[in-house]
Amino acid sequence: WQQAGEGILTTDTRAKGATVTVDIGDQQVTINGITKGSGMIKPNMATMLGFVVTDAAIEQSLLATLLRETVDRSFNCITVDSDTST
């Protein structure tokens, strides 16, 4: 994931990513995320890109709902010096 993170860099100073492995029931699941963009993030991520991948066996519609709810409470609340994309 480091190479993928580096591949989407623009004005960022370093790749940003995270990987977590968790046990859900009797299954081990891995979730990876990378993102780029630290300015011009308002409104709703604007020019920021974020990617999340998982090997979890989950319905696409549920995953989309969870992602939307999570992003609305996290990334979509961020402002960096009130910069808005043009």
PDB file of N, CA and C in Angstrom:
ATOM      1  N   TRP A   1       0.813  -1.193   0.000  1.00  0.00           N
ATOM      2  CA  TRP A   1       0.000   0.000   0.000  1.00  0.00           C
ATOM      3  C   TRP A   1       0.855   1.254   0.000  1.00  0.00           C
ATOM      4  N   GLN A   2       2.088   1.129   0.424  1.00  0.00           N
ATOM      5  CA  GLN A   2       2.983   2.285   0.413  1.00  0.00           C
ATOM      6  C   GLN A   2       3.160   2.812  -1.012  1.00  0.00           C
ATOM      7  N   GLN A   3       3.387   1.921  -1.968  1.00  0.00           N
ATOM      8  CA  GLN A   3       3.579   2.354  -3.357  1.00  0.00           C
ATOM      9  C   GLN A   3       2.317   2.997  -3.919  1.00  0.00           C
ATOM     10  N   ALA A   4       1.159   2.450  -3.602  1.00  0.00           N
ATOM     11  CA  ALA A   4      -0.097   3.042  -4.066  1.00  0.00           C
ATOM     12  C   ALA A   4      -0.270   4.432  -3.467  1.00  0.00           C
ATOM     13  N   GLY A   5       0.036   4.579  -2.187  1.00  0.00           N
ATOM     14  CA  GLY A   5      -0.050   5.879  -1.537  1.00  0.00           C
ATOM     15  C   GLY A   5       0.886   6.894  -2.166  1.00  0.00           C
ATOM     16  N   GLU A   6       2.091   6.449  -2.497  1.00  0.00           N
ATOM     17  CA  GLU A   6       3.050   7.338  -3.153  1.00  0.00           C
ATOM     18  C   GLU A   6       2.590   7.688  -4.563  1.00  0.00           C
ATOM     19  N   GLY A   7       1.880   6.764  -5.204  1.00  0.00           N
ATOM     20  CA  GLY A   7       1.415   6.978  -6.574  1.00  0.00           C
ATOM     21  C   GLY A   7       0.351   8.048  -6.711  1.00  0.00           C
ATOM     22  N   ILE A   8      -0.347   8.390  -5.641  1.00  0.00           N
ATOM     23  CA  ILE A   8      -1.392   9.413  -5.725  1.00  0.00           C
ATOM     24  C   ILE A   8      -0.967  10.743  -5.115  1.00  0.00           C
ATOM     25  N   LEU A   9       0.288  10.859  -4.727  1.00  0.00           N
ATOM     26  CA  LEU A   9       0.768  12.116  -4.140  1.00  0.00           C
ATOM     27  C   LEU A   9       0.711  13.253  -5.148  1.00  0.00           C
ATOM     28  N   THR A  10       0.379  14.428  -4.679  1.00  0.00           N
ATOM     29  CA  THR A  10       0.490  15.637  -5.495  1.00  0.00           C
ATOM     30  C   THR A  10       1.392  16.596  -4.729  1.00  0.00           C
ATOM     31  N   THR A  11       0.814  17.460  -3.925  1.00  0.00           N
ATOM     32  CA  THR A  11       1.630  18.387  -3.129  1.00  0.00           C
ATOM     33  C   THR A  11       1.887  17.856  -1.728  1.00  0.00           C
ATOM     34  N   ASP A  12       1.438  16.638  -1.453  1.00  0.00           N
ATOM     35  CA  ASP A  12       1.661  16.035  -0.140  1.00  0.00           C
ATOM     36  C   ASP A  12       3.148  15.820   0.091  1.00  0.00           C
ATOM     37  N   THR A  13       3.533  15.802   1.342  1.00  0.00           N
ATOM     38  CA  THR A  13       4.940  15.584   1.673  1.00  0.00           C
ATOM     39  C   THR A  13       5.251  14.120   1.942  1.00  0.00           C
ATOM     40  N   ARG A  14       4.210  13.317   2.166  1.00  0.00           N
ATOM     41  CA  ARG A  14       4.434  11.890   2.405  1.00  0.00           C
ATOM     42  C   ARG A  14       3.142  11.132   2.128  1.00  0.00           C
ATOM     43  N   ALA A  15       3.298   9.844   1.864  1.00  0.00           N
ATOM     44  CA  ALA A  15       2.131   8.986   1.658  1.00  0.00           C
ATOM     45  C   ALA A  15       1.412   8.779   2.988  1.00  0.00           C
ATOM     46  N   LYS A  16       0.097   8.700   2.922  1.00  0.00           N
ATOM     47  CA  LYS A  16      -0.708   8.488   4.127  1.00  0.00           C
ATOM     48  C   LYS A  16      -1.537   7.231   3.949  1.00  0.00           C
ATOM     49  N   GLY A  17      -1.382   6.292   4.858  1.00  0.00           N
ATOM     50  CA  GLY A  17      -2.140   5.052   4.770  1.00  0.00           C
ATOM     51  C   GLY A  17      -2.160   4.329   6.092  1.00  0.00           C
ATOM     52  N   ALA A  18      -3.056   3.369   6.159  1.00  0.00           N
ATOM     53  CA  ALA A  18      -3.174   2.554   7.369  1.00  0.00           C
ATOM     54  C   ALA A  18      -3.700   1.182   6.989  1.00  0.00           C
ATOM     55  N   THR A  19      -3.288   0.199   7.755  1.00  0.00           N
ATOM     56  CA  THR A  19      -3.770  -1.171   7.600  1.00  0.00           C
ATOM     57  C   THR A  19      -4.099  -1.709   8.977  1.00  0.00           C
ATOM     58  N   VAL A  20      -5.240  -2.372   9.079  1.00  0.00           N
ATOM     59  CA  VAL A  20      -5.628  -3.004  10.333  1.00  0.00           C
ATOM     60  C   VAL A  20      -6.183  -4.385  10.014  1.00  0.00           C
ATOM     61  N   THR A  21      -5.856  -5.326  10.861  1.00  0.00           N
ATOM     62  CA  THR A  21      -6.400  -6.680  10.757  1.00  0.00           C
ATOM     63  C   THR A  21      -7.188  -6.955  12.027  1.00  0.00           C
ATOM     64  N   VAL A  22      -8.433  -7.383  11.851  1.00  0.00           N
ATOM     65  CA  VAL A  22      -9.313  -7.640  12.989  1.00  0.00           C
ATOM     66  C   VAL A  22      -9.987  -8.991  12.817  1.00  0.00           C
ATOM     67  N   ASP A  23     -10.395  -9.567  13.929  1.00  0.00           N
ATOM     68  CA  ASP A  23     -11.171 -10.798  13.907  1.00  0.00           C
ATOM     69  C   ASP A  23     -12.643 -10.445  14.025  1.00  0.00           C
ATOM     70  N   ILE A  24     -13.426 -10.899  13.056  1.00  0.00           N
ATOM     71  CA  ILE A  24     -14.876 -10.731  13.079  1.00  0.00           C
ATOM     72  C   ILE A  24     -15.462 -12.135  13.079  1.00  0.00           C
ATOM     73  N   GLY A  25     -16.001 -12.513  14.230  1.00  0.00           N
ATOM     74  CA  GLY A  25     -16.435 -13.907  14.371  1.00  0.00           C
ATOM     75  C   GLY A  25     -15.220 -14.804  14.283  1.00  0.00           C
ATOM     76  N   ASP A  26     -15.281 -15.776  13.396  1.00  0.00           N
ATOM     77  CA  ASP A  26     -14.145 -16.683  13.223  1.00  0.00           C
ATOM     78  C   ASP A  26     -13.314 -16.336  11.990  1.00  0.00           C
ATOM     79  N   GLN A  27     -13.528 -15.146  11.434  1.00  0.00           N
ATOM     80  CA  GLN A  27     -12.802 -14.711  10.246  1.00  0.00           C
ATOM     81  C   GLN A  27     -11.840 -13.577  10.577  1.00  0.00           C
ATOM     82  N   GLN A  28     -10.656 -13.638   9.998  1.00  0.00           N
ATOM     83  CA  GLN A  28      -9.712 -12.535  10.104  1.00  0.00           C
ATOM     84  C   GLN A  28      -9.902 -11.645   8.876  1.00  0.00           C
ATOM     85  N   VAL A  29     -10.079 -10.357   9.100  1.00  0.00           N
ATOM     86  CA  VAL A  29     -10.380  -9.405   8.037  1.00  0.00           C
ATOM     87  C   VAL A  29      -9.320  -8.311   8.038  1.00  0.00           C
ATOM     88  N   THR A  30      -8.891  -7.908   6.847  1.00  0.00           N
ATOM     89  CA  THR A  30      -7.927  -6.828   6.704  1.00  0.00           C
ATOM     90  C   THR A  30      -8.602  -5.643   6.032  1.00  0.00           C
ATOM     91  N   ILE A  31      -8.337  -4.455   6.559  1.00  0.00           N
ATOM     92  CA  ILE A  31      -8.850  -3.218   5.982  1.00  0.00           C
ATOM     93  C   ILE A  31      -7.647  -2.317   5.725  1.00  0.00           C
ATOM     94  N   ASN A  32      -7.523  -1.836   4.493  1.00  0.00           N
ATOM     95  CA  ASN A  32      -6.439  -0.937   4.104  1.00  0.00           C
ATOM     96  C   ASN A  32      -7.035   0.380   3.644  1.00  0.00           C
ATOM     97  N   GLY A  33      -6.367   1.472   3.949  1.00  0.00           N
ATOM     98  CA  GLY A  33      -6.812   2.770   3.471  1.00  0.00           C
ATOM     99  C   GLY A  33      -5.637   3.645   3.104  1.00  0.00           C
ATOM    100  N   ILE A  34      -5.789   4.394   2.010  1.00  0.00           N
ATOM    101  CA  ILE A  34      -4.798   5.398   1.627  1.00  0.00           C
ATOM    102  C   ILE A  34      -5.555   6.675   1.287  1.00  0.00           C
ATOM    103  N   THR A  35      -4.865   7.790   1.398  1.00  0.00           N
ATOM    104  CA  THR A  35      -5.486   9.068   1.073  1.00  0.00           C
ATOM    105  C   THR A  35      -4.426  10.053   0.619  1.00  0.00           C
ATOM    106  N   LYS A  36      -4.871  11.060  -0.093  1.00  0.00           N
ATOM    107  CA  LYS A  36      -3.970  12.145  -0.484  1.00  0.00           C
ATOM    108  C   LYS A  36      -4.735  13.443  -0.375  1.00  0.00           C
ATOM    109  N   GLY A  37      -4.029  14.484  -0.107  1.00  0.00           N
ATOM    110  CA  GLY A  37      -4.629  15.806  -0.046  1.00  0.00           C
ATOM    111  C   GLY A  37      -4.703  16.296   1.378  1.00  0.00           C
ATOM    112  N   SER A  38      -4.138  17.446   1.626  1.00  0.00           N
ATOM    113  CA  SER A  38      -4.181  17.989   2.981  1.00  0.00           C
ATOM    114  C   SER A  38      -4.738  19.403   3.006  1.00  0.00           C
ATOM    115  N   GLY A  39      -4.898  20.006   1.871  1.00  0.00           N
ATOM    116  CA  GLY A  39      -5.501  21.330   1.772  1.00  0.00           C
ATOM    117  C   GLY A  39      -6.678  21.258   0.815  1.00  0.00           C
ATOM    118  N   MET A  40      -7.395  22.343   0.696  1.00  0.00           N
ATOM    119  CA  MET A  40      -8.564  22.407  -0.186  1.00  0.00           C
ATOM    120  C   MET A  40      -9.461  21.201   0.003  1.00  0.00           C
ATOM    121  N   ILE A  41      -9.848  20.979   1.236  1.00  0.00           N
ATOM    122  CA  ILE A  41     -10.610  19.784   1.579  1.00  0.00           C
ATOM    123  C   ILE A  41     -12.093  20.088   1.792  1.00  0.00           C
ATOM    124  N   LYS A  42     -12.438  21.361   1.826  1.00  0.00           N
ATOM    125  CA  LYS A  42     -13.817  21.755   2.090  1.00  0.00           C
ATOM    126  C   LYS A  42     -14.472  22.167   0.776  1.00  0.00           C
ATOM    127  N   PRO A  43     -15.677  21.793   0.447  1.00  0.00           N
ATOM    128  CA  PRO A  43     -16.621  20.950   1.185  1.00  0.00           C
ATOM    129  C   PRO A  43     -16.498  19.483   0.772  1.00  0.00           C
ATOM    130  N   ASN A  44     -16.863  18.627   1.666  1.00  0.00           N
ATOM    131  CA  ASN A  44     -16.984  17.185   1.402  1.00  0.00           C
ATOM    132  C   ASN A  44     -15.795  16.596   0.658  1.00  0.00           C
ATOM    133  N   MET A  45     -14.636  16.795   1.189  1.00  0.00           N
ATOM    134  CA  MET A  45     -13.367  16.258   0.712  1.00  0.00           C
ATOM    135  C   MET A  45     -12.826  16.988  -0.506  1.00  0.00           C
ATOM    136  N   ALA A  46     -13.646  17.698  -1.270  1.00  0.00           N
ATOM    137  CA  ALA A  46     -13.202  18.515  -2.398  1.00  0.00           C
ATOM    138  C   ALA A  46     -12.163  17.791  -3.249  1.00  0.00           C
ATOM    139  N   THR A  47     -10.903  18.237  -3.194  1.00  0.00           N
ATOM    140  CA  THR A  47      -9.869  17.639  -4.037  1.00  0.00           C
ATOM    141  C   THR A  47      -9.133  16.489  -3.362  1.00  0.00           C
ATOM    142  N   MET A  48      -9.581  16.087  -2.204  1.00  0.00           N
ATOM    143  CA  MET A  48      -8.952  14.973  -1.495  1.00  0.00           C
ATOM    144  C   MET A  48      -9.422  13.647  -2.089  1.00  0.00           C
ATOM    145  N   LEU A  49      -8.522  12.694  -2.147  1.00  0.00           N
ATOM    146  CA  LEU A  49      -8.862  11.340  -2.581  1.00  0.00           C
ATOM    147  C   LEU A  49      -8.627  10.383  -1.426  1.00  0.00           C
ATOM    148  N   GLY A  50      -9.538   9.463  -1.233  1.00  0.00           N
ATOM    149  CA  GLY A  50      -9.389   8.444  -0.203  1.00  0.00           C
ATOM    150  C   GLY A  50      -9.867   7.108  -0.738  1.00  0.00           C
ATOM    151  N   PHE A  51      -9.134   6.055  -0.435  1.00  0.00           N
ATOM    152  CA  PHE A  51      -9.468   4.717  -0.915  1.00  0.00           C
ATOM    153  C   PHE A  51      -9.417   3.734   0.247  1.00  0.00           C
ATOM    154  N   VAL A  52     -10.435   2.910   0.358  1.00  0.00           N
ATOM    155  CA  VAL A  52     -10.501   1.877   1.385  1.00  0.00           C
ATOM    156  C   VAL A  52     -10.765   0.554   0.689  1.00  0.00           C
ATOM    157  N   VAL A  53      -9.987  -0.460   1.042  1.00  0.00           N
ATOM    158  CA  VAL A  53     -10.197  -1.805   0.491  1.00  0.00           C
ATOM    159  C   VAL A  53     -10.205  -2.811   1.635  1.00  0.00           C
ATOM    160  N   THR A  54     -10.951  -3.878   1.439  1.00  0.00           N
ATOM    161  CA  THR A  54     -11.036  -4.914   2.463  1.00  0.00           C
ATOM    162  C   THR A  54     -11.269  -6.266   1.815  1.00  0.00           C
ATOM    163  N   ASP A  55     -10.889  -7.291   2.524  1.00  0.00           N
ATOM    164  CA  ASP A  55     -11.192  -8.649   2.081  1.00  0.00           C
ATOM    165  C   ASP A  55     -12.385  -9.214   2.847  1.00  0.00           C
ATOM    166  N   ALA A  56     -13.101  -8.355   3.564  1.00  0.00           N
ATOM    167  CA  ALA A  56     -14.265  -8.794   4.333  1.00  0.00           C
ATOM    168  C   ALA A  56     -15.376  -9.257   3.391  1.00  0.00           C
ATOM    169  N   ALA A  57     -16.049 -10.315   3.781  1.00  0.00           N
ATOM    170  CA  ALA A  57     -17.213 -10.796   3.042  1.00  0.00           C
ATOM    171  C   ALA A  57     -18.408  -9.967   3.506  1.00  0.00           C
ATOM    172  N   ILE A  58     -18.734  -8.917   2.746  1.00  0.00           N
ATOM    173  CA  ILE A  58     -19.783  -7.978   3.141  1.00  0.00           C
ATOM    174  C   ILE A  58     -20.533  -7.535   1.892  1.00  0.00           C
ATOM    175  N   GLU A  59     -21.824  -7.379   2.026  1.00  0.00           N
ATOM    176  CA  GLU A  59     -22.642  -6.922   0.904  1.00  0.00           C
ATOM    177  C   GLU A  59     -22.223  -5.507   0.496  1.00  0.00           C
ATOM    178  N   GLN A  60     -22.162  -5.263  -0.802  1.00  0.00           N
ATOM    179  CA  GLN A  60     -21.752  -3.961  -1.316  1.00  0.00           C
ATOM    180  C   GLN A  60     -22.641  -2.846  -0.779  1.00  0.00           C
ATOM    181  N   SER A  61     -23.935  -3.075  -0.702  1.00  0.00           N
ATOM    182  CA  SER A  61     -24.846  -2.021  -0.238  1.00  0.00           C
ATOM    183  C   SER A  61     -24.590  -1.666   1.229  1.00  0.00           C
ATOM    184  N   LEU A  62     -24.302  -2.658   2.064  1.00  0.00           N
ATOM    185  CA  LEU A  62     -23.993  -2.394   3.467  1.00  0.00           C
ATOM    186  C   LEU A  62     -22.665  -1.658   3.587  1.00  0.00           C
ATOM    187  N   LEU A  63     -21.680  -2.094   2.827  1.00  0.00           N
ATOM    188  CA  LEU A  63     -20.376  -1.437   2.848  1.00  0.00           C
ATOM    189  C   LEU A  63     -20.504   0.026   2.414  1.00  0.00           C
ATOM    190  N   ALA A  64     -21.285   0.292   1.374  1.00  0.00           N
ATOM    191  CA  ALA A  64     -21.486   1.666   0.905  1.00  0.00           C
ATOM    192  C   ALA A  64     -22.156   2.514   1.984  1.00  0.00           C
ATOM    193  N   THR A  65     -23.149   1.957   2.663  1.00  0.00           N
ATOM    194  CA  THR A  65     -23.832   2.682   3.737  1.00  0.00           C
ATOM    195  C   THR A  65     -22.876   2.997   4.875  1.00  0.00           C
ATOM    196  N   LEU A  66     -22.102   1.998   5.308  1.00  0.00           N
ATOM    197  CA  LEU A  66     -21.145   2.207   6.395  1.00  0.00           C
ATOM    198  C   LEU A  66     -20.098   3.248   6.026  1.00  0.00           C
ATOM    199  N   LEU A  67     -19.606   3.183   4.796  1.00  0.00           N
ATOM    200  CA  LEU A  67     -18.602   4.147   4.350  1.00  0.00           C
ATOM    201  C   LEU A  67     -19.182   5.558   4.334  1.00  0.00           C
ATOM    202  N   ARG A  68     -20.364   5.720   3.774  1.00  0.00           N
ATOM    203  CA  ARG A  68     -20.996   7.036   3.693  1.00  0.00           C
ATOM    204  C   ARG A  68     -21.215   7.626   5.093  1.00  0.00           C
ATOM    205  N   GLU A  69     -21.740   6.822   6.009  1.00  0.00           N
ATOM    206  CA  GLU A  69     -21.982   7.303   7.369  1.00  0.00           C
ATOM    207  C   GLU A  69     -20.683   7.684   8.069  1.00  0.00           C
ATOM    208  N   THR A  70     -19.655   6.884   7.871  1.00  0.00           N
ATOM    209  CA  THR A  70     -18.366   7.146   8.505  1.00  0.00           C
ATOM    210  C   THR A  70     -17.709   8.391   7.927  1.00  0.00           C
ATOM    211  N   VAL A  71     -17.732   8.532   6.616  1.00  0.00           N
ATOM    212  CA  VAL A  71     -17.134   9.698   5.967  1.00  0.00           C
ATOM    213  C   VAL A  71     -17.868  10.974   6.362  1.00  0.00           C
ATOM    214  N   ASP A  72     -19.192  10.903   6.475  1.00  0.00           N
ATOM    215  CA  ASP A  72     -19.959  12.084   6.880  1.00  0.00           C
ATOM    216  C   ASP A  72     -19.585  12.554   8.280  1.00  0.00           C
ATOM    217  N   ARG A  73     -19.157  11.628   9.154  1.00  0.00           N
ATOM    218  CA  ARG A  73     -18.782  11.984  10.526  1.00  0.00           C
ATOM    219  C   ARG A  73     -17.286  12.241  10.684  1.00  0.00           C
ATOM    220  N   SER A  74     -16.525  12.086   9.622  1.00  0.00           N
ATOM    221  CA  SER A  74     -15.077  12.263   9.741  1.00  0.00           C
ATOM    222  C   SER A  74     -14.555  13.185   8.636  1.00  0.00           C
ATOM    223  N   PHE A  75     -14.187  12.636   7.504  1.00  0.00           N
ATOM    224  CA  PHE A  75     -13.586  13.429   6.433  1.00  0.00           C
ATOM    225  C   PHE A  75     -14.439  14.626   6.025  1.00  0.00           C
ATOM    226  N   ASN A  76     -15.743  14.462   5.915  1.00  0.00           N
ATOM    227  CA  ASN A  76     -16.592  15.559   5.455  1.00  0.00           C
ATOM    228  C   ASN A  76     -16.770  16.658   6.492  1.00  0.00           C
ATOM    229  N   CYS A  77     -16.214  16.486   7.675  1.00  0.00           N
ATOM    230  CA  CYS A  77     -16.263  17.519   8.720  1.00  0.00           C
ATOM    231  C   CYS A  77     -14.976  18.330   8.789  1.00  0.00           C
ATOM    232  N   ILE A  78     -13.984  17.965   8.001  1.00  0.00           N
ATOM    233  CA  ILE A  78     -12.661  18.582   8.089  1.00  0.00           C
ATOM    234  C   ILE A  78     -12.610  19.878   7.292  1.00  0.00           C
ATOM    235  N   THR A  79     -11.935  20.860   7.845  1.00  0.00           N
ATOM    236  CA  THR A  79     -11.554  22.049   7.098  1.00  0.00           C
ATOM    237  C   THR A  79     -10.101  22.353   7.443  1.00  0.00           C
ATOM    238  N   VAL A  80      -9.347  22.793   6.468  1.00  0.00           N
ATOM    239  CA  VAL A  80      -7.955  23.169   6.676  1.00  0.00           C
ATOM    240  C   VAL A  80      -7.859  24.653   6.362  1.00  0.00           C
ATOM    241  N   ASP A  81      -7.768  25.465   7.385  1.00  0.00           N
ATOM    242  CA  ASP A  81      -7.690  26.922   7.216  1.00  0.00           C
ATOM    243  C   ASP A  81      -8.832  27.460   6.364  1.00  0.00           C
ATOM    244  N   SER A  82      -9.985  26.797   6.407  1.00  0.00           N
ATOM    245  CA  SER A  82     -11.181  27.182   5.640  1.00  0.00           C
ATOM    246  C   SER A  82     -10.955  27.223   4.140  1.00  0.00           C
ATOM    247  N   ASP A  83      -9.938  26.495   3.642  1.00  0.00           N
ATOM    248  CA  ASP A  83      -9.694  26.434   2.201  1.00  0.00           C
ATOM    249  C   ASP A  83     -10.817  25.671   1.522  1.00  0.00           C
ATOM    250  N   THR A  84     -11.350  26.244   0.457  1.00  0.00           N
ATOM    251  CA  THR A  84     -12.380  25.599  -0.337  1.00  0.00           C
ATOM    252  C   THR A  84     -11.823  25.356  -1.729  1.00  0.00           C
ATOM    253  N   SER A  85     -12.167  24.210  -2.312  1.00  0.00           N
ATOM    254  CA  SER A  85     -11.677  23.923  -3.655  1.00  0.00           C
ATOM    255  C   SER A  85     -12.318  24.876  -4.655  1.00  0.00           C
ATOM    256  N   THR A  86     -11.610  25.136  -5.740  1.00  0.00           N
ATOM    257  CA  THR A  86     -12.125  26.060  -6.755  1.00  0.00           C
ATOM    258  C   THR A  86     -12.766  25.321  -7.889  1.00  0.00           C
TER     259      THR A  86
END
